[in-house]
PDB file of N, CA and C in Angstrom:
ATOM      1  N   MET A   1       2.258  -7.854 -19.121  1.00  0.00           N
ATOM      2  CA  MET A   1       2.041  -6.422 -19.055  1.00  0.00           C
ATOM      3  C   MET A   1       0.612  -6.164 -18.582  1.00  0.00           C
ATOM      4  N   LEU A   2       0.465  -5.126 -17.778  1.00  0.00           N
ATOM      5  CA  LEU A   2      -0.853  -4.748 -17.277  1.00  0.00           C
ATOM      6  C   LEU A   2      -1.388  -3.568 -18.068  1.00  0.00           C
ATOM      7  N   LYS A   3      -2.698  -3.590 -18.318  1.00  0.00           N
ATOM      8  CA  LYS A   3      -3.342  -2.519 -19.064  1.00  0.00           C
ATOM      9  C   LYS A   3      -4.592  -2.085 -18.309  1.00  0.00           C
ATOM     10  N   VAL A   4      -4.704  -0.777 -18.032  1.00  0.00           N
ATOM     11  CA  VAL A   4      -5.900  -0.245 -17.382  1.00  0.00           C
ATOM     12  C   VAL A   4      -7.003  -0.181 -18.430  1.00  0.00           C
ATOM     13  N   VAL A   5      -8.067  -0.932 -18.193  1.00  0.00           N
ATOM     14  CA  VAL A   5      -9.184  -0.990 -19.127  1.00  0.00           C
ATOM     15  C   VAL A   5     -10.168   0.143 -18.840  1.00  0.00           C
ATOM     16  N   SER A   6     -10.413   0.403 -17.565  1.00  0.00           N
ATOM     17  CA  SER A   6     -11.294   1.502 -17.169  1.00  0.00           C
ATOM     18  C   SER A   6     -10.935   1.938 -15.758  1.00  0.00           C
ATOM     19  N   ASN A   7     -11.241   3.183 -15.453  1.00  0.00           N
ATOM     20  CA  ASN A   7     -11.024   3.684 -14.100  1.00  0.00           C
ATOM     21  C   ASN A   7     -12.007   4.807 -13.815  1.00  0.00           C
ATOM     22  N   TRP A   8     -12.371   4.952 -12.547  1.00  0.00           N
ATOM     23  CA  TRP A   8     -13.284   5.995 -12.119  1.00  0.00           C
ATOM     24  C   TRP A   8     -13.177   6.162 -10.607  1.00  0.00           C
ATOM     25  N   LEU A   9     -13.688   7.284 -10.132  1.00  0.00           N
ATOM     26  CA  LEU A   9     -13.739   7.529  -8.688  1.00  0.00           C
ATOM     27  C   LEU A   9     -15.014   6.900  -8.143  1.00  0.00           C
ATOM     28  N   THR A  10     -14.879   6.267  -6.993  1.00  0.00           N
ATOM     29  CA  THR A  10     -16.031   5.625  -6.376  1.00  0.00           C
ATOM     30  C   THR A  10     -15.966   5.793  -4.865  1.00  0.00           C
ATOM     31  N   LYS A  11     -17.117   5.850  -4.238  1.00  0.00           N
ATOM     32  CA  LYS A  11     -17.188   5.821  -2.776  1.00  0.00           C
ATOM     33  C   LYS A  11     -17.313   4.351  -2.404  1.00  0.00           C
ATOM     34  N   THR A  12     -16.357   3.842  -1.655  1.00  0.00           N
ATOM     35  CA  THR A  12     -16.284   2.403  -1.391  1.00  0.00           C
ATOM     36  C   THR A  12     -17.429   1.908  -0.511  1.00  0.00           C
ATOM     37  N   ASN A  13     -17.841   0.666  -0.754  1.00  0.00           N
ATOM     38  CA  ASN A  13     -18.897   0.032   0.032  1.00  0.00           C
ATOM     39  C   ASN A  13     -18.354  -0.752   1.213  1.00  0.00           C
ATOM     40  N   LYS A  14     -17.030  -0.945   1.219  1.00  0.00           N
ATOM     41  CA  LYS A  14     -16.369  -1.645   2.324  1.00  0.00           C
ATOM     42  C   LYS A  14     -14.945  -1.120   2.396  1.00  0.00           C
ATOM     43  N   GLN A  15     -14.194  -1.536   3.393  1.00  0.00           N
ATOM     44  CA  GLN A  15     -12.807  -1.070   3.491  1.00  0.00           C
ATOM     45  C   GLN A  15     -11.974  -1.677   2.369  1.00  0.00           C
ATOM     46  N   HIS A  16     -10.987  -0.917   1.915  1.00  0.00           N
ATOM     47  CA  HIS A  16     -10.088  -1.376   0.861  1.00  0.00           C
ATOM     48  C   HIS A  16      -8.660  -0.974   1.189  1.00  0.00           C
ATOM     49  N   ILE A  17      -7.723  -1.739   0.665  1.00  0.00           N
ATOM     50  CA  ILE A  17      -6.313  -1.408   0.778  1.00  0.00           C
ATOM     51  C   ILE A  17      -5.909  -0.646  -0.477  1.00  0.00           C
ATOM     52  N   CYS A  18      -5.237   0.473  -0.280  1.00  0.00           N
ATOM     53  CA  CYS A  18      -4.720   1.246  -1.403  1.00  0.00           C
ATOM     54  C   CYS A  18      -3.515   0.498  -1.984  1.00  0.00           C
ATOM     55  N   ASP A  19      -3.544   0.259  -3.281  1.00  0.00           N
ATOM     56  CA  ASP A  19      -2.428  -0.442  -3.910  1.00  0.00           C
ATOM     57  C   ASP A  19      -1.161   0.403  -3.927  1.00  0.00           C
ATOM     58  N   GLY A  20      -1.285   1.710  -3.897  1.00  0.00           N
ATOM     59  CA  GLY A  20      -0.110   2.578  -3.942  1.00  0.00           C
ATOM     60  C   GLY A  20       0.670   2.622  -2.638  1.00  0.00           C
ATOM     61  N   CYS A  21      -0.034   2.830  -1.517  1.00  0.00           N
ATOM     62  CA  CYS A  21       0.651   3.000  -0.236  1.00  0.00           C
ATOM     63  C   CYS A  21       0.466   1.835   0.720  1.00  0.00           C
ATOM     64  N   GLY A  22      -0.476   0.949   0.428  1.00  0.00           N
ATOM     65  CA  GLY A  22      -0.687  -0.215   1.273  1.00  0.00           C
ATOM     66  C   GLY A  22      -1.512   0.052   2.525  1.00  0.00           C
ATOM     67  N   ARG A  23      -2.020   1.263   2.681  1.00  0.00           N
ATOM     68  CA  ARG A  23      -2.837   1.583   3.860  1.00  0.00           C
ATOM     69  C   ARG A  23      -4.269   1.095   3.642  1.00  0.00           C
ATOM     70  N   THR A  24      -4.953   0.794   4.749  1.00  0.00           N
ATOM     71  CA  THR A  24      -6.349   0.373   4.701  1.00  0.00           C
ATOM     72  C   THR A  24      -7.233   1.596   4.917  1.00  0.00           C
ATOM     73  N   PHE A  25      -8.226   1.761   4.047  1.00  0.00           N
ATOM     74  CA  PHE A  25      -9.150   2.883   4.135  1.00  0.00           C
ATOM     75  C   PHE A  25     -10.545   2.357   4.446  1.00  0.00           C
ATOM     76  N   PRO A  26     -11.287   3.083   5.298  1.00  0.00           N
ATOM     77  CA  PRO A  26     -12.609   2.606   5.726  1.00  0.00           C
ATOM     78  C   PRO A  26     -13.665   2.738   4.628  1.00  0.00           C
ATOM     79  N   LYS A  27     -14.765   2.077   4.867  1.00  0.00           N
ATOM     80  CA  LYS A  27     -15.949   2.180   4.014  1.00  0.00           C
ATOM     81  C   LYS A  27     -16.290   3.657   3.797  1.00  0.00           C
ATOM     82  N   SER A  28     -16.807   3.989   2.644  1.00  0.00           N
ATOM     83  CA  SER A  28     -17.254   5.336   2.257  1.00  0.00           C
ATOM     84  C   SER A  28     -16.111   6.294   1.929  1.00  0.00           C
ATOM     85  N   THR A  29     -14.911   5.770   1.727  1.00  0.00           N
ATOM     86  CA  THR A  29     -13.791   6.593   1.288  1.00  0.00           C
ATOM     87  C   THR A  29     -13.857   6.708  -0.235  1.00  0.00           C
ATOM     88  N   VAL A  30     -13.627   7.898  -0.758  1.00  0.00           N
ATOM     89  CA  VAL A  30     -13.566   8.057  -2.208  1.00  0.00           C
ATOM     90  C   VAL A  30     -12.189   7.602  -2.678  1.00  0.00           C
ATOM     91  N   MET A  31     -12.195   6.604  -3.556  1.00  0.00           N
ATOM     92  CA  MET A  31     -10.954   6.042  -4.089  1.00  0.00           C
ATOM     93  C   MET A  31     -11.107   5.872  -5.602  1.00  0.00           C
ATOM     94  N   GLU A  32      -9.968   5.779  -6.273  1.00  0.00           N
ATOM     95  CA  GLU A  32      -9.991   5.477  -7.696  1.00  0.00           C
ATOM     96  C   GLU A  32     -10.001   3.960  -7.852  1.00  0.00           C
ATOM     97  N   ARG A  33     -10.948   3.460  -8.625  1.00  0.00           N
ATOM     98  CA  ARG A  33     -11.027   2.024  -8.911  1.00  0.00           C
ATOM     99  C   ARG A  33     -10.577   1.818 -10.345  1.00  0.00           C
ATOM    100  N   CYS A  34      -9.657   0.895 -10.536  1.00  0.00           N
ATOM    101  CA  CYS A  34      -9.162   0.575 -11.879  1.00  0.00           C
ATOM    102  C   CYS A  34      -9.442  -0.882 -12.182  1.00  0.00           C
ATOM    103  N   ASN A  35      -9.995  -1.142 -13.354  1.00  0.00           N
ATOM    104  CA  ASN A  35     -10.116  -2.502 -13.866  1.00  0.00           C
ATOM    105  C   ASN A  35      -8.894  -2.733 -14.738  1.00  0.00           C
ATOM    106  N   ILE A  36      -8.111  -3.727 -14.383  1.00  0.00           N
ATOM    107  CA  ILE A  36      -6.813  -3.953 -15.015  1.00  0.00           C
ATOM    108  C   ILE A  36      -6.801  -5.323 -15.696  1.00  0.00           C
ATOM    109  N   LEU A  37      -6.295  -5.347 -16.927  1.00  0.00           N
ATOM    110  CA  LEU A  37      -6.160  -6.584 -17.680  1.00  0.00           C
ATOM    111  C   LEU A  37      -4.687  -6.967 -17.760  1.00  0.00           C
ATOM    112  N   ASN A  38      -4.376  -8.195 -17.366  1.00  0.00           N
ATOM    113  CA  ASN A  38      -3.038  -8.740 -17.575  1.00  0.00           C
ATOM    114  C   ASN A  38      -3.041  -9.274 -19.003  1.00  0.00           C
ATOM    115  N   THR A  39      -2.315  -8.623 -19.896  1.00  0.00           N
ATOM    116  CA  THR A  39      -2.373  -8.971 -21.311  1.00  0.00           C
ATOM    117  C   THR A  39      -1.736 -10.323 -21.620  1.00  0.00           C
ATOM    118  N   GLU A  40      -0.918 -10.835 -20.710  1.00  0.00           N
ATOM    119  CA  GLU A  40      -0.289 -12.142 -20.933  1.00  0.00           C
ATOM    120  C   GLU A  40      -1.221 -13.289 -20.531  1.00  0.00           C
ATOM    121  N   THR A  41      -1.886 -13.137 -19.375  1.00  0.00           N
ATOM    122  CA  THR A  41      -2.756 -14.206 -18.884  1.00  0.00           C
ATOM    123  C   THR A  41      -4.219 -13.994 -19.266  1.00  0.00           C
ATOM    124  N   LYS A  42      -4.555 -12.784 -19.738  1.00  0.00           N
ATOM    125  CA  LYS A  42      -5.934 -12.416 -20.104  1.00  0.00           C
ATOM    126  C   LYS A  42      -6.869 -12.425 -18.899  1.00  0.00           C
ATOM    127  N   LYS A  43      -6.328 -12.214 -17.702  1.00  0.00           N
ATOM    128  CA  LYS A  43      -7.136 -12.163 -16.485  1.00  0.00           C
ATOM    129  C   LYS A  43      -7.285 -10.723 -16.019  1.00  0.00           C
ATOM    130  N   PHE A  44      -8.465 -10.434 -15.457  1.00  0.00           N
ATOM    131  CA  PHE A  44      -8.753  -9.103 -14.939  1.00  0.00           C
ATOM    132  C   PHE A  44      -8.496  -9.041 -13.444  1.00  0.00           C
ATOM    133  N   ASP A  45      -8.163  -7.842 -12.962  1.00  0.00           N
ATOM    134  CA  ASP A  45      -7.986  -7.585 -11.545  1.00  0.00           C
ATOM    135  C   ASP A  45      -8.536  -6.193 -11.274  1.00  0.00           C
ATOM    136  N   ILE A  46      -8.794  -5.912 -10.021  1.00  0.00           N
ATOM    137  CA  ILE A  46      -9.292  -4.599  -9.609  1.00  0.00           C
ATOM    138  C   ILE A  46      -8.277  -3.983  -8.669  1.00  0.00           C
ATOM    139  N   SER A  47      -8.009  -2.705  -8.866  1.00  0.00           N
ATOM    140  CA  SER A  47      -7.058  -1.969  -8.045  1.00  0.00           C
ATOM    141  C   SER A  47      -7.761  -0.760  -7.456  1.00  0.00           C
ATOM    142  N   TYR A  48      -7.453  -0.450  -6.196  1.00  0.00           N
ATOM    143  CA  TYR A  48      -7.973   0.753  -5.557  1.00  0.00           C
ATOM    144  C   TYR A  48      -6.810   1.649  -5.178  1.00  0.00           C
ATOM    145  N   CYS A  49      -7.000   2.950  -5.344  1.00  0.00           N
ATOM    146  CA  CYS A  49      -5.935   3.910  -5.080  1.00  0.00           C
ATOM    147  C   CYS A  49      -6.524   5.109  -4.328  1.00  0.00           C
ATOM    148  N   CYS A  50      -5.901   5.471  -3.205  1.00  0.00           N
ATOM    149  CA  CYS A  50      -6.371   6.612  -2.408  1.00  0.00           C
ATOM    150  C   CYS A  50      -6.073   7.928  -3.147  1.00  0.00           C
ATOM    151  N   GLU A  51      -6.615   9.003  -2.647  1.00  0.00           N
ATOM    152  CA  GLU A  51      -6.445  10.314  -3.280  1.00  0.00           C
ATOM    153  C   GLU A  51      -4.969  10.706  -3.400  1.00  0.00           C
ATOM    154  N   THR A  52      -4.202  10.487  -2.348  1.00  0.00           N
ATOM    155  CA  THR A  52      -2.779  10.821  -2.367  1.00  0.00           C
ATOM    156  C   THR A  52      -2.039   9.995  -3.417  1.00  0.00           C
ATOM    157  N   CYS A  53      -2.293   8.715  -3.445  1.00  0.00           N
ATOM    158  CA  CYS A  53      -1.579   7.842  -4.382  1.00  0.00           C
ATOM    159  C   CYS A  53      -2.014   8.069  -5.833  1.00  0.00           C
ATOM    160  N   GLN A  54      -3.190   8.625  -6.044  1.00  0.00           N
ATOM    161  CA  GLN A  54      -3.568   9.002  -7.407  1.00  0.00           C
ATOM    162  C   GLN A  54      -2.591  10.060  -7.921  1.00  0.00           C
ATOM    163  N   ILE A  55      -2.246  10.995  -7.073  1.00  0.00           N
ATOM    164  CA  ILE A  55      -1.278  12.038  -7.429  1.00  0.00           C
ATOM    165  C   ILE A  55       0.110  11.429  -7.616  1.00  0.00           C
ATOM    166  N   LEU A  56       0.505  10.583  -6.668  1.00  0.00           N
ATOM    167  CA  LEU A  56       1.845  10.000  -6.706  1.00  0.00           C
ATOM    168  C   LEU A  56       2.052   9.077  -7.903  1.00  0.00           C
ATOM    169  N   THR A  57       1.080   8.232  -8.208  1.00  0.00           N
ATOM    170  CA  THR A  57       1.261   7.317  -9.333  1.00  0.00           C
ATOM    171  C   THR A  57       1.329   8.070 -10.650  1.00  0.00           C
ATOM    172  N   ARG A  58       0.597   9.142 -10.777  1.00  0.00           N
ATOM    173  CA  ARG A  58       0.658   9.927 -12.008  1.00  0.00           C
ATOM    174  C   ARG A  58       1.991  10.673 -12.124  1.00  0.00           C
ATOM    175  N   HIS A  59       2.586  10.994 -10.976  1.00  0.00           N
ATOM    176  CA  HIS A  59       3.887  11.670 -10.973  1.00  0.00           C
ATOM    177  C   HIS A  59       5.027  10.674 -11.250  1.00  0.00           C
ATOM    178  N   TYR A  60       5.040   9.562 -10.520  1.00  0.00           N
ATOM    179  CA  TYR A  60       6.142   8.609 -10.620  1.00  0.00           C
ATOM    180  C   TYR A  60       5.988   7.612 -11.767  1.00  0.00           C
ATOM    181  N   CYS A  61       4.775   7.419 -12.238  1.00  0.00           N
ATOM    182  CA  CYS A  61       4.508   6.479 -13.346  1.00  0.00           C
ATOM    183  C   CYS A  61       3.679   7.188 -14.419  1.00  0.00           C
ATOM    184  N   PRO A  62       4.214   8.244 -15.035  1.00  0.00           N
ATOM    185  CA  PRO A  62       3.415   9.059 -15.950  1.00  0.00           C
ATOM    186  C   PRO A  62       2.901   8.311 -17.177  1.00  0.00           C
ATOM    187  N   ASN A  63       3.553   7.249 -17.551  1.00  0.00           N
ATOM    188  CA  ASN A  63       3.116   6.484 -18.718  1.00  0.00           C
ATOM    189  C   ASN A  63       2.364   5.217 -18.323  1.00  0.00           C
ATOM    190  N   GLY A  64       1.839   5.212 -17.100  1.00  0.00           N
ATOM    191  CA  GLY A  64       1.070   4.072 -16.634  1.00  0.00           C
ATOM    192  C   GLY A  64       1.914   2.876 -16.257  1.00  0.00           C
ATOM    193  N   GLY A  65       3.145   3.118 -15.858  1.00  0.00           N
ATOM    194  CA  GLY A  65       4.042   2.020 -15.473  1.00  0.00           C
ATOM    195  C   GLY A  65       3.526   1.255 -14.270  1.00  0.00           C
ATOM    196  N   GLU A  66       4.012   0.057 -14.103  1.00  0.00           N
ATOM    197  CA  GLU A  66       3.596  -0.802 -13.003  1.00  0.00           C
ATOM    198  C   GLU A  66       4.365  -0.456 -11.731  1.00  0.00           C
ATOM    199  N   TYR A  67       3.736  -0.741 -10.593  1.00  0.00           N
ATOM    200  CA  TYR A  67       4.368  -0.527  -9.297  1.00  0.00           C
ATOM    201  C   TYR A  67       3.899  -1.611  -8.340  1.00  0.00           C
ATOM    202  N   GLU A  68       4.656  -1.832  -7.302  1.00  0.00           N
ATOM    203  CA  GLU A  68       4.333  -2.847  -6.306  1.00  0.00           C
ATOM    204  C   GLU A  68       3.338  -2.287  -5.291  1.00  0.00           C
ATOM    205  N   ILE A  69       2.516  -3.156  -4.725  1.00  0.00           N
ATOM    206  CA  ILE A  69       1.572  -2.733  -3.691  1.00  0.00           C
ATOM    207  C   ILE A  69       2.361  -2.188  -2.507  1.00  0.00           C
ATOM    208  N   GLY A  70       2.010  -0.989  -2.085  1.00  0.00           N
ATOM    209  CA  GLY A  70       2.667  -0.349  -0.957  1.00  0.00           C
ATOM    210  C   GLY A  70       3.942   0.391  -1.301  1.00  0.00           C
ATOM    211  N   GLN A  71       4.293   0.436  -2.566  1.00  0.00           N
ATOM    212  CA  GLN A  71       5.554   1.054  -2.992  1.00  0.00           C
ATOM    213  C   GLN A  71       5.646   2.526  -2.612  1.00  0.00           C
ATOM    214  N   PHE A  72       4.516   3.221  -2.541  1.00  0.00           N
ATOM    215  CA  PHE A  72       4.541   4.657  -2.297  1.00  0.00           C
ATOM    216  C   PHE A  72       4.211   5.039  -0.857  1.00  0.00           C
ATOM    217  N   ALA A  73       4.393   4.122   0.085  1.00  0.00           N
ATOM    218  CA  ALA A  73       4.069   4.403   1.492  1.00  0.00           C
ATOM    219  C   ALA A  73       4.865   5.596   2.025  1.00  0.00           C
ATOM    220  N   LYS A  74       6.156   5.598   1.807  1.00  0.00           N
ATOM    221  CA  LYS A  74       7.023   6.679   2.290  1.00  0.00           C
ATOM    222  C   LYS A  74       6.659   7.995   1.607  1.00  0.00           C
ATOM    223  N   GLU A  75       6.472   7.952   0.305  1.00  0.00           N
ATOM    224  CA  GLU A  75       6.148   9.153  -0.461  1.00  0.00           C
ATOM    225  C   GLU A  75       4.781   9.719  -0.053  1.00  0.00           C
ATOM    226  N   ALA A  76       3.807   8.824   0.208  1.00  0.00           N
ATOM    227  CA  ALA A  76       2.469   9.267   0.607  1.00  0.00           C
ATOM    228  C   ALA A  76       2.514  10.003   1.944  1.00  0.00           C
ATOM    229  N   SER A  77       3.247   9.448   2.906  1.00  0.00           N
ATOM    230  CA  SER A  77       3.375  10.086   4.212  1.00  0.00           C
ATOM    231  C   SER A  77       4.043  11.454   4.072  1.00  0.00           C
ATOM    232  N   HIS A  78       5.113  11.512   3.315  1.00  0.00           N
ATOM    233  CA  HIS A  78       5.828  12.765   3.103  1.00  0.00           C
ATOM    234  C   HIS A  78       4.917  13.794   2.435  1.00  0.00           C
ATOM    235  N   TYR A  79       4.217  13.401   1.385  1.00  0.00           N
ATOM    236  CA  TYR A  79       3.348  14.316   0.656  1.00  0.00           C
ATOM    237  C   TYR A  79       2.210  14.844   1.547  1.00  0.00           C
ATOM    238  N   GLU A  80       1.602  13.960   2.344  1.00  0.00           N
ATOM    239  CA  GLU A  80       0.512  14.385   3.210  1.00  0.00           C
ATOM    240  C   GLU A  80       0.995  15.314   4.325  1.00  0.00           C
ATOM    241  N   ASN A  81       2.233  15.152   4.763  1.00  0.00           N
ATOM    242  CA  ASN A  81       2.775  16.011   5.821  1.00  0.00           C
ATOM    243  C   ASN A  81       3.326  17.337   5.319  1.00  0.00           C
ATOM    244  N   THR A  82       3.852  17.347   4.096  1.00  0.00           N
ATOM    245  CA  THR A  82       4.516  18.557   3.597  1.00  0.00           C
ATOM    246  C   THR A  82       3.874  19.165   2.364  1.00  0.00           C
ATOM    247  N   GLY A  83       3.083  18.375   1.634  1.00  0.00           N
ATOM    248  CA  GLY A  83       2.500  18.864   0.384  1.00  0.00           C
ATOM    249  C   GLY A  83       3.510  18.854  -0.756  1.00  0.00           C
ATOM    250  N   GLU A  84       4.687  18.251  -0.519  1.00  0.00           N
ATOM    251  CA  GLU A  84       5.747  18.221  -1.532  1.00  0.00           C
ATOM    252  C   GLU A  84       6.004  16.798  -1.971  1.00  0.00           C
ATOM    253  N   LEU A  85       6.332  16.643  -3.239  1.00  0.00           N
ATOM    254  CA  LEU A  85       6.729  15.338  -3.765  1.00  0.00           C
ATOM    255  C   LEU A  85       8.211  15.126  -3.510  1.00  0.00           C
ATOM    256  N   LEU A  86       8.594  13.889  -3.235  1.00  0.00           N
ATOM    257  CA  LEU A  86      10.010  13.575  -3.028  1.00  0.00           C
ATOM    258  C   LEU A  86      10.746  13.545  -4.343  1.00  0.00           C
TER     259      LEU A  86
END
């Protein structure tokens, strides 16, 4: 099981891939950074999420559920084009 230990908005120092939609964002993009603990292995990981996917993950995973990298690619495109959630 994964547990978010801390999260905050940050302006990136280099390009990062959004874990929600799988898109690459350039340096200086404001993204949410999450420090994540795998409670089974006790290892930490870092996740970055773009502004759109911050909205989508809170909608589709309201209790902090896990998702695959790039899982929200279709939803992100739809939301950015229409302003509506699928």
